[in-house]
């Protein structure tokens, strides 16, 4: 995976929770202040559109971090990814960074490794540094424990049985089980914004009560304004010109992808 998982609070769905399951497409955004991250604003017609990725502008150190871009060691240039077989690397692990479909081939006598199309197999990794964080599918990660790298189901917080894996993005309860965070778990106004549902299919929006200094499930978004609607819902609602409205754009796709998307919205 090109995007590293960051520690951040997530949450489960409660009975009266205000939830949302689709993030805004760039074209839905009508304010320049909300048109950020992977979007770009055109002042000519006051429109927001998806930003075109220019791979050639990235250096060797940053190129492979951007999905759709890949560094070619033979040309010493960053360009749009073509095919796994087009890349030969000095360090076998670098193949994984070219694209989610790439794996290392057989290292030649010159010490270089050709990349090939394939799938990640957790059991092939022999150390925690190589194993942890690799993702064979949208709902699974590799994790190294007791001398073995195994594939672990992370489709929901509630299905994770290992405490270390759980605490990457969920919470380990006193009952010895993994669970998604709740709004009530958020202890500051800054963190009381939104949290992910148990299966990562969307978010539960939170509300901060300054009188009691407590975070709870939001009842609605009527109090949100043009200046905070988008930010306070981490991109699942937008200001439509007169009210804070739910997005109809891109649906979440799997636990890990939703988690990454949620983090990305908070980073910009």
Protein backbone atom coordinates (compact mmCIF):
# COMPACT_ATOMS: atom_id res chain seq x y z
CA UNK A 1 0.00 0.00 0.00
CA UNK A 2 1.29 3.41 -0.92
CA UNK A 3 -0.47 5.26 1.78
CA UNK A 4 0.66 4.53 5.33
CA UNK A 5 -2.00 4.05 7.95
CA UNK A 6 -2.03 6.76 10.61
CA UNK A 7 -3.40 6.37 14.09
CA UNK A 8 -6.75 8.12 14.31
CA UNK A 9 -10.03 7.56 16.14
CA UNK A 10 -12.86 5.66 14.46
CA UNK A 11 -16.40 4.82 15.59
CA UNK A 12 -19.29 2.42 15.47
CA UNK A 13 -22.86 3.11 14.45
CA UNK A 14 -25.22 3.93 17.28
CA UNK A 15 -29.03 4.01 17.22
CA UNK A 16 -29.47 7.76 16.87
CA UNK A 17 -26.21 8.49 15.09
CA UNK A 18 -26.08 10.87 12.16
CA UNK A 19 -24.23 8.90 9.52
CA UNK A 20 -23.01 9.43 5.98
CA UNK A 21 -21.60 6.92 3.49
CA UNK A 22 -20.46 8.95 0.48
CA UNK A 23 -17.73 11.55 0.21
CA UNK A 24 -18.07 14.49 -2.13
CA UNK A 25 -16.81 14.39 -5.69
CA UNK A 26 -14.80 17.48 -6.57
CA UNK A 27 -17.53 18.62 -8.97
CA UNK A 28 -20.07 18.89 -6.13
CA UNK A 29 -18.06 21.52 -4.27
CA UNK A 30 -19.16 25.10 -4.89
CA UNK A 31 -16.72 26.90 -2.59
CA UNK A 32 -13.03 27.39 -3.31
CA UNK A 33 -12.25 26.85 0.39
CA UNK A 34 -13.63 23.30 0.20
CA UNK A 35 -11.94 22.47 -3.10
CA UNK A 36 -8.74 20.96 -1.72
CA UNK A 37 -6.72 17.76 -1.56
CA UNK A 38 -7.23 15.96 -4.86
CA UNK A 39 -9.37 18.79 -6.25
CA UNK A 40 -8.48 22.04 -7.98
CA UNK A 41 -10.45 25.30 -8.18
CA UNK A 42 -11.00 27.27 -11.38
CA UNK A 43 -11.59 30.96 -10.71
CA UNK A 44 -12.56 31.43 -14.37
CA UNK A 45 -15.89 29.66 -13.96
CA UNK A 46 -15.94 29.12 -10.17
CA UNK A 47 -15.86 25.36 -10.49
CA UNK A 48 -14.07 22.55 -8.71
CA UNK A 49 -12.66 19.57 -10.60
CA UNK A 50 -10.42 16.58 -10.00
CA UNK A 51 -6.77 17.54 -9.97
CA UNK A 52 -4.69 16.10 -12.80
CA UNK A 53 -1.68 14.26 -11.42
CA UNK A 54 1.60 15.30 -13.06
CA UNK A 55 3.93 12.38 -12.36
CA UNK A 56 6.88 14.08 -14.05
CA UNK A 57 7.03 16.67 -11.27
CA UNK A 58 7.92 14.10 -8.59
CA UNK A 59 11.40 13.06 -7.50
CA UNK A 60 12.64 9.51 -6.95
CA UNK A 61 11.95 9.84 -3.22
CA UNK A 62 8.32 10.85 -3.73
CA UNK A 63 7.24 9.35 -7.06
CA UNK A 64 6.08 5.91 -5.91
CA UNK A 65 4.07 7.47 -3.08
CA UNK A 66 1.49 8.72 -5.58
CA UNK A 67 -0.93 6.16 -6.96
CA UNK A 68 -0.69 6.08 -10.74
CA UNK A 69 2.94 7.20 -10.78
CA UNK A 70 6.05 5.01 -10.80
CA UNK A 71 9.77 5.68 -10.82
CA UNK A 72 11.74 3.97 -13.57
CA UNK A 73 15.29 3.11 -12.53
CA UNK A 74 16.25 2.56 -16.17
CA UNK A 75 15.24 6.08 -17.26
CA UNK A 76 15.66 7.80 -13.87
CA UNK A 77 12.31 9.47 -14.37
CA UNK A 78 8.90 9.52 -12.77
CA UNK A 79 6.05 8.85 -15.15
CA UNK A 80 2.57 7.36 -15.25
CA UNK A 81 2.59 3.69 -14.27
CA UNK A 82 2.47 1.39 -17.29
CA UNK A 83 2.86 -2.32 -16.40
CA UNK A 84 4.63 -4.20 -13.62
CA UNK A 85 6.92 -5.93 -16.09
CA UNK A 86 8.28 -2.55 -17.24
CA UNK A 87 10.18 -2.04 -13.98
CA UNK A 88 13.42 -3.51 -12.67
CA UNK A 89 14.55 -2.46 -9.21
CA UNK A 90 17.70 -2.60 -7.11
CA UNK A 91 15.71 -3.53 -3.99
CA UNK A 92 13.09 -6.25 -4.48
CA UNK A 93 10.61 -4.66 -2.06
CA UNK A 94 10.41 -1.59 -4.32
CA UNK A 95 8.20 -3.56 -6.71
CA UNK A 96 5.31 -3.38 -4.25
CA UNK A 97 5.43 0.42 -4.41
CA UNK A 98 5.00 0.59 -8.19
CA UNK A 99 1.36 -0.49 -8.09
CA UNK A 100 -0.95 -2.59 -5.95
CA UNK A 101 -0.73 -5.31 -8.61
CA UNK A 102 3.06 -5.60 -8.62
CA UNK A 103 5.27 -8.10 -6.78
CA UNK A 104 8.99 -8.93 -7.06
CA UNK A 105 10.12 -11.50 -9.62
CA UNK A 106 13.32 -13.54 -9.42
CA UNK A 107 16.46 -11.55 -8.65
CA UNK A 108 19.07 -11.86 -11.38
CA UNK A 109 22.82 -12.46 -11.13
CA UNK A 110 23.30 -8.70 -11.39
CA UNK A 111 21.41 -8.26 -8.11
CA UNK A 112 18.48 -6.51 -9.75
CA UNK A 113 14.88 -7.69 -9.49
CA UNK A 114 12.30 -7.50 -12.27
CA UNK A 115 8.76 -6.71 -11.14
CA UNK A 116 5.82 -8.81 -12.25
CA UNK A 117 2.05 -8.85 -11.92
CA UNK A 118 0.90 -10.82 -8.91
CA UNK A 119 -0.74 -10.73 -5.51
CA UNK A 120 0.77 -10.25 -2.09
CA UNK A 121 1.13 -13.44 -0.08
CA UNK A 122 1.69 -12.67 3.59
CA UNK A 123 3.44 -15.96 4.35
CA UNK A 124 6.36 -15.04 2.06
CA UNK A 125 7.53 -12.29 4.43
CA UNK A 126 9.99 -13.30 7.13
CA UNK A 127 10.30 -10.16 9.24
CA UNK A 128 7.99 -7.65 10.87
CA UNK A 129 9.49 -4.79 8.87
CA UNK A 130 8.62 -6.49 5.58
CA UNK A 131 5.31 -7.96 6.73
CA UNK A 132 3.41 -5.39 8.77
CA UNK A 133 1.24 -3.04 6.75
CA UNK A 134 1.26 -4.98 3.50
CA UNK A 135 -2.23 -5.45 2.13
CA UNK A 136 -3.20 -8.46 0.00
CA UNK A 137 -6.76 -7.11 -0.39
CA UNK A 138 -8.98 -4.18 0.59
CA UNK A 139 -10.11 -5.95 3.74
CA UNK A 140 -6.94 -7.68 4.89
CA UNK A 141 -3.45 -6.84 6.11
CA UNK A 142 -0.32 -8.83 6.80
CA UNK A 143 0.84 -8.97 10.41
CA UNK A 144 3.96 -10.52 11.93
CA UNK A 145 3.57 -12.38 15.20
CA UNK A 146 5.27 -15.36 16.83
CA UNK A 147 7.75 -15.59 13.98
CA UNK A 148 5.12 -15.79 11.25
CA UNK A 149 3.56 -13.31 8.83
CA UNK A 150 -0.15 -14.03 8.53
CA UNK A 151 -3.09 -12.51 6.67
CA UNK A 152 -5.59 -10.92 9.03
CA UNK A 153 -9.18 -9.96 8.33
CA UNK A 154 -9.73 -6.27 9.13
CA UNK A 155 -13.07 -5.84 7.37
CA UNK A 156 -14.50 -4.62 10.69
CA UNK A 157 -13.05 -3.55 14.00
CA UNK A 158 -15.31 -6.11 15.64
CA UNK A 159 -13.74 -9.07 13.79
CA UNK A 160 -10.14 -8.28 14.78
CA UNK A 161 -8.92 -10.57 17.54
CA UNK A 162 -5.35 -9.34 17.98
CA UNK A 163 -4.86 -6.37 20.32
CA UNK A 164 -1.86 -4.94 18.45
CA UNK A 165 -3.68 -4.92 15.12
CA UNK A 166 -6.84 -3.58 16.72
CA UNK A 167 -5.11 -0.57 18.20
CA UNK A 168 -3.81 0.60 14.82
CA UNK A 169 -7.23 2.09 14.09
CA UNK A 170 -9.76 0.74 16.59
CA UNK A 171 -9.91 0.38 20.37
CA UNK A 172 -9.23 -2.60 22.60
CA UNK A 173 -11.88 -2.82 25.30
CA UNK A 174 -11.56 -3.86 28.92
CA UNK A 175 -13.54 -6.95 27.97
CA UNK A 176 -10.68 -8.02 25.73
CA UNK A 177 -12.37 -7.36 22.40
CA UNK A 178 -11.82 -5.00 19.51
CA UNK A 179 -14.40 -2.31 18.81
CA UNK A 180 -14.80 0.87 16.84
CA UNK A 181 -14.52 4.16 18.70
CA UNK A 182 -17.63 6.10 19.63
CA UNK A 183 -18.13 9.85 19.68
CA UNK A 184 -18.14 9.60 23.47
CA UNK A 185 -14.54 8.37 23.28
CA UNK A 186 -13.42 11.70 21.85
CA UNK A 187 -12.24 13.90 24.72
CA UNK A 188 -11.42 17.21 23.03
CA UNK A 189 -13.28 19.63 20.77
CA UNK A 190 -10.66 19.14 18.05
CA UNK A 191 -11.11 15.36 17.97
CA UNK A 192 -14.90 15.55 18.26
CA UNK A 193 -15.62 15.77 14.54
CA UNK A 194 -16.47 12.39 13.01
CA UNK A 195 -15.55 8.77 13.47
CA UNK A 196 -15.70 5.76 11.19
CA UNK A 197 -18.35 3.07 11.38
CA UNK A 198 -17.32 -0.40 12.45
CA UNK A 199 -17.00 -1.66 8.88
CA UNK A 200 -15.52 1.54 7.44
CA UNK A 201 -18.49 2.05 5.11
CA UNK A 202 -19.03 5.60 6.29
CA UNK A 203 -18.84 7.96 9.22
CA UNK A 204 -20.78 8.92 12.30
CA UNK A 205 -20.77 12.70 12.79
CA UNK A 206 -20.06 13.99 16.28
CA UNK A 207 -21.01 17.14 18.17
CA UNK A 208 -19.12 18.89 20.97
CA UNK A 209 -20.97 20.33 23.97
CA UNK A 210 -18.81 23.15 25.32
CA UNK A 211 -20.90 23.40 28.50
CA UNK A 212 -20.20 19.82 29.55
CA UNK A 213 -16.97 19.33 27.57
CA UNK A 214 -18.36 16.11 26.15
CA UNK A 215 -18.60 14.65 22.68
CA UNK A 216 -21.73 12.85 21.49
CA UNK A 217 -23.53 11.79 18.31
CA UNK A 218 -24.70 14.77 16.28
CA UNK A 219 -28.47 15.01 15.79
CA UNK A 220 -28.21 16.99 12.54
CA UNK A 221 -25.97 19.44 10.68
CA UNK A 222 -28.30 22.44 10.82
CA UNK A 223 -25.87 24.45 12.95
CA UNK A 224 -23.02 24.04 10.46
CA UNK A 225 -22.22 26.98 8.19
CA UNK A 226 -20.51 27.68 4.89
CA UNK A 227 -17.22 28.01 6.74
CA UNK A 228 -17.28 24.69 8.60
CA UNK A 229 -19.79 22.34 6.93
CA UNK A 230 -17.21 20.52 4.80
CA UNK A 231 -14.52 20.35 7.49
CA UNK A 232 -16.81 19.34 10.37
CA UNK A 233 -18.11 16.40 8.35
CA UNK A 234 -14.68 15.47 6.93
CA UNK A 235 -15.92 15.85 3.37
CA UNK A 236 -19.14 13.85 3.61
CA UNK A 237 -21.29 17.01 3.55
CA UNK A 238 -20.77 20.24 1.59
CA UNK A 239 -22.18 23.75 1.55
CA UNK A 240 -24.59 23.91 -1.41
CA UNK A 241 -24.99 27.68 -1.26
CA UNK A 242 -27.74 27.79 1.33
CA UNK A 243 -27.36 24.73 3.57
CA UNK A 244 -25.06 21.90 4.62
CA UNK A 245 -26.04 19.01 2.35
CA UNK A 246 -25.02 15.37 2.20
CA UNK A 247 -22.68 14.43 -0.64
CA UNK A 248 -23.79 12.06 -3.38
CA UNK A 249 -20.35 11.46 -4.85
CA UNK A 250 -17.98 8.57 -4.31
CA UNK A 251 -19.04 5.65 -2.12
CA UNK A 252 -16.67 4.11 0.38
CA UNK A 253 -15.07 0.87 -0.78
CA UNK A 254 -13.90 -1.48 1.92
CA UNK A 255 -12.59 -0.93 5.41
CA UNK A 256 -9.04 0.03 4.52
CA UNK A 257 -9.96 2.31 1.62
CA UNK A 258 -12.53 4.11 3.72
CA UNK A 259 -10.03 4.53 6.53
CA UNK A 260 -7.45 5.98 4.14
CA UNK A 261 -10.01 8.33 2.64
CA UNK A 262 -11.07 9.54 6.06
CA UNK A 263 -7.45 10.25 7.02
CA UNK A 264 -6.79 12.05 3.76
CA UNK A 265 -9.71 14.42 4.32
CA UNK A 266 -8.33 15.36 7.75
CA UNK A 267 -4.83 15.95 6.42
CA UNK A 268 -5.81 18.82 4.11
